[in-house]
């Protein structure tokens, strides 16, 4: 396998880890925004839950739209990074397989020559 292929896989793996970290951060930010909203509305954030079809839930979603959008973007970017790494690994695997086949062919030719 070429050094360029190894470098590509490594870079894609690092980008995937960055995307995972961004998603975690966005999730925490959204959770914090939900808690802050509930504290503003009710004076406490712990244990308060809204039914998904309630007006309070809709208001909370409107108030936390920026954080929710950031999480959606982070999830999308994570999917892109995962697919990109997968494609790079498949190319590396093909390259390894082709290299092993070529090496085996050369070995067979050399054995016949002896």
C-alpha atoms as a PDB file:
ATOM      1  CA  UNK A   1       0.000   0.000   0.000  1.00  0.00           C
ATOM      2  CA  UNK A   2       1.305   3.434  -0.846  1.00  0.00           C
ATOM      3  CA  UNK A   3       2.224   6.043   1.686  1.00  0.00           C
ATOM      4  CA  UNK A   4      -0.302   8.399   0.087  1.00  0.00           C
ATOM      5  CA  UNK A   5      -3.103   5.899   0.678  1.00  0.00           C
ATOM      6  CA  UNK A   6      -2.089   5.438   4.300  1.00  0.00           C
ATOM      7  CA  UNK A   7      -1.944   9.196   4.756  1.00  0.00           C
ATOM      8  CA  UNK A   8      -5.399   9.593   3.219  1.00  0.00           C
ATOM      9  CA  UNK A   9      -6.900   6.988   5.556  1.00  0.00           C
ATOM     10  CA  UNK A  10      -5.209   8.636   8.539  1.00  0.00           C
ATOM     11  CA  UNK A  11      -6.451  12.100   7.624  1.00  0.00           C
ATOM     12  CA  UNK A  12      -9.981  10.809   7.058  1.00  0.00           C
ATOM     13  CA  UNK A  13      -9.878   9.062  10.455  1.00  0.00           C
ATOM     14  CA  UNK A  14      -8.829  12.308  12.127  1.00  0.00           C
ATOM     15  CA  UNK A  15     -11.646  14.171  10.383  1.00  0.00           C
ATOM     16  CA  UNK A  16     -14.087  11.537  11.574  1.00  0.00           C
ATOM     17  CA  UNK A  17     -12.931  11.992  15.168  1.00  0.00           C
ATOM     18  CA  UNK A  18     -13.326  15.765  14.814  1.00  0.00           C
ATOM     19  CA  UNK A  19     -16.877  15.248  13.520  1.00  0.00           C
ATOM     20  CA  UNK A  20     -17.670  12.952  16.461  1.00  0.00           C
ATOM     21  CA  UNK A  21     -16.380  15.583  18.892  1.00  0.00           C
ATOM     22  CA  UNK A  22     -18.393  18.339  17.179  1.00  0.00           C
ATOM     23  CA  UNK A  23     -21.560  16.263  17.411  1.00  0.00           C
ATOM     24  CA  UNK A  24     -20.997  15.614  21.124  1.00  0.00           C
ATOM     25  CA  UNK A  25     -20.404  19.303  21.728  1.00  0.00           C
ATOM     26  CA  UNK A  26     -23.526  20.267  19.773  1.00  0.00           C
ATOM     27  CA  UNK A  27     -25.599  17.712  21.704  1.00  0.00           C
ATOM     28  CA  UNK A  28     -24.360  19.110  25.027  1.00  0.00           C
ATOM     29  CA  UNK A  29     -25.106  22.652  23.867  1.00  0.00           C
ATOM     30  CA  UNK A  30     -28.647  21.684  22.908  1.00  0.00           C
ATOM     31  CA  UNK A  31     -29.206  19.919  26.232  1.00  0.00           C
ATOM     32  CA  UNK A  32     -27.889  23.003  28.051  1.00  0.00           C
ATOM     33  CA  UNK A  33     -30.198  25.230  25.991  1.00  0.00           C
ATOM     34  CA  UNK A  34     -33.174  23.033  26.907  1.00  0.00           C
ATOM     35  CA  UNK A  35     -32.241  23.236  30.598  1.00  0.00           C
ATOM     36  CA  UNK A  36     -31.740  27.005  30.432  1.00  0.00           C
ATOM     37  CA  UNK A  37     -35.112  27.424  28.748  1.00  0.00           C
ATOM     38  CA  UNK A  38     -36.847  25.352  31.415  1.00  0.00           C
ATOM     39  CA  UNK A  39     -35.102  27.303  34.174  1.00  0.00           C
ATOM     40  CA  UNK A  40     -36.241  30.602  32.671  1.00  0.00           C
ATOM     41  CA  UNK A  41     -39.818  29.364  32.309  1.00  0.00           C
ATOM     42  CA  UNK A  42     -40.212  27.481  35.583  1.00  0.00           C
ATOM     43  CA  UNK A  43     -37.390  28.530  37.870  1.00  0.00           C
ATOM     44  CA  UNK A  44     -35.800  25.099  37.715  1.00  0.00           C
ATOM     45  CA  UNK A  45     -34.638  22.779  34.963  1.00  0.00           C
ATOM     46  CA  UNK A  46     -34.395  19.431  36.611  1.00  0.00           C
ATOM     47  CA  UNK A  47     -36.993  16.829  35.824  1.00  0.00           C
ATOM     48  CA  UNK A  48     -39.340  19.027  33.807  1.00  0.00           C
ATOM     49  CA  UNK A  49     -40.579  17.252  30.698  1.00  0.00           C
ATOM     50  CA  UNK A  50     -42.923  18.454  28.005  1.00  0.00           C
ATOM     51  CA  UNK A  51     -45.210  16.324  25.870  1.00  0.00           C
ATOM     52  CA  UNK A  52     -44.122  16.527  22.254  1.00  0.00           C
ATOM     53  CA  UNK A  53     -47.525  17.783  21.192  1.00  0.00           C
ATOM     54  CA  UNK A  54     -47.721  20.529  23.835  1.00  0.00           C
ATOM     55  CA  UNK A  55     -47.388  24.265  23.245  1.00  0.00           C
ATOM     56  CA  UNK A  56     -44.548  24.439  25.788  1.00  0.00           C
ATOM     57  CA  UNK A  57     -42.546  21.909  23.781  1.00  0.00           C
ATOM     58  CA  UNK A  58     -43.087  23.897  20.584  1.00  0.00           C
ATOM     59  CA  UNK A  59     -41.987  27.107  22.322  1.00  0.00           C
ATOM     60  CA  UNK A  60     -38.881  25.378  23.661  1.00  0.00           C
ATOM     61  CA  UNK A  61     -38.004  24.166  20.149  1.00  0.00           C
ATOM     62  CA  UNK A  62     -38.388  27.680  18.780  1.00  0.00           C
ATOM     63  CA  UNK A  63     -36.201  29.090  21.545  1.00  0.00           C
ATOM     64  CA  UNK A  64     -33.464  26.507  20.922  1.00  0.00           C
ATOM     65  CA  UNK A  65     -33.598  26.461  17.124  1.00  0.00           C
ATOM     66  CA  UNK A  66     -29.986  27.652  16.704  1.00  0.00           C
ATOM     67  CA  UNK A  67     -28.618  24.860  18.906  1.00  0.00           C
ATOM     68  CA  UNK A  68     -30.853  22.296  17.211  1.00  0.00           C
ATOM     69  CA  UNK A  69     -29.651  23.416  13.770  1.00  0.00           C
ATOM     70  CA  UNK A  70     -26.042  23.117  14.940  1.00  0.00           C
ATOM     71  CA  UNK A  71     -26.708  19.545  16.068  1.00  0.00           C
ATOM     72  CA  UNK A  72     -28.358  18.664  12.747  1.00  0.00           C
ATOM     73  CA  UNK A  73     -25.382  20.090  10.864  1.00  0.00           C
ATOM     74  CA  UNK A  74     -22.955  18.165  13.095  1.00  0.00           C
ATOM     75  CA  UNK A  75     -24.864  14.910  12.473  1.00  0.00           C
ATOM     76  CA  UNK A  76     -24.794  15.524   8.725  1.00  0.00           C
ATOM     77  CA  UNK A  77     -21.053  16.277   8.803  1.00  0.00           C
ATOM     78  CA  UNK A  78     -20.468  13.124  10.846  1.00  0.00           C
ATOM     79  CA  UNK A  79     -22.213  11.041   8.191  1.00  0.00           C
ATOM     80  CA  UNK A  80     -20.080  12.635   5.485  1.00  0.00           C
ATOM     81  CA  UNK A  81     -16.901  11.913   7.444  1.00  0.00           C
ATOM     82  CA  UNK A  82     -17.937   8.301   8.044  1.00  0.00           C
ATOM     83  CA  UNK A  83     -18.668   7.693   4.360  1.00  0.00           C
ATOM     84  CA  UNK A  84     -15.451   9.422   3.325  1.00  0.00           C
ATOM     85  CA  UNK A  85     -13.351   7.220   5.624  1.00  0.00           C
ATOM     86  CA  UNK A  86     -15.217   4.142   4.435  1.00  0.00           C
ATOM     87  CA  UNK A  87     -14.417   4.949   0.792  1.00  0.00           C
ATOM     88  CA  UNK A  88     -10.750   5.589   1.620  1.00  0.00           C
ATOM     89  CA  UNK A  89     -10.535   2.266   3.480  1.00  0.00           C
ATOM     90  CA  UNK A  90     -12.128   0.422   0.551  1.00  0.00           C
ATOM     91  CA  UNK A  91      -9.577   1.962  -1.832  1.00  0.00           C
ATOM     92  CA  UNK A  92      -6.758   0.981   0.534  1.00  0.00           C
ATOM     93  CA  UNK A  93      -8.118  -2.563   0.772  1.00  0.00           C
ATOM     94  CA  UNK A  94      -8.248  -2.855  -3.025  1.00  0.00           C
ATOM     95  CA  UNK A  95      -4.710  -1.548  -3.239  1.00  0.00           C
ATOM     96  CA  UNK A  96      -3.541  -4.073  -0.658  1.00  0.00           C
ATOM     97  CA  UNK A  97      -5.331  -6.886  -2.456  1.00  0.00           C
ATOM     98  CA  UNK A  98      -3.849  -5.877  -5.806  1.00  0.00           C
ATOM     99  CA  UNK A  99      -0.393  -5.640  -4.266  1.00  0.00           C
ATOM    100  CA  UNK A 100      -0.699  -9.063  -2.659  1.00  0.00           C
ATOM    101  CA  UNK A 101      -1.883 -10.578  -5.942  1.00  0.00           C
ATOM    102  CA  UNK A 102       1.028  -9.051  -7.835  1.00  0.00           C
ATOM    103  CA  UNK A 103       3.484 -10.226  -5.199  1.00  0.00           C
ATOM    104  CA  UNK A 104       2.083 -13.767  -5.339  1.00  0.00           C
ATOM    105  CA  UNK A 105       2.342 -13.779  -9.160  1.00  0.00           C
ATOM    106  CA  UNK A 106       5.974 -12.682  -9.033  1.00  0.00           C
ATOM    107  CA  UNK A 107       6.701 -15.369  -6.430  1.00  0.00           C
ATOM    108  CA  UNK A 108       5.120 -18.066  -8.641  1.00  0.00           C
ATOM    109  CA  UNK A 109       7.142 -16.910 -11.664  1.00  0.00           C
ATOM    110  CA  UNK A 110      10.338 -16.943  -9.612  1.00  0.00           C
ATOM    111  CA  UNK A 111       9.586 -20.454  -8.303  1.00  0.00           C
ATOM    112  CA  UNK A 112       9.024 -21.732 -11.839  1.00  0.00           C
ATOM    113  CA  UNK A 113      12.296 -20.173 -12.955  1.00  0.00           C
ATOM    114  CA  UNK A 114      14.259 -22.147 -10.364  1.00  0.00           C
END
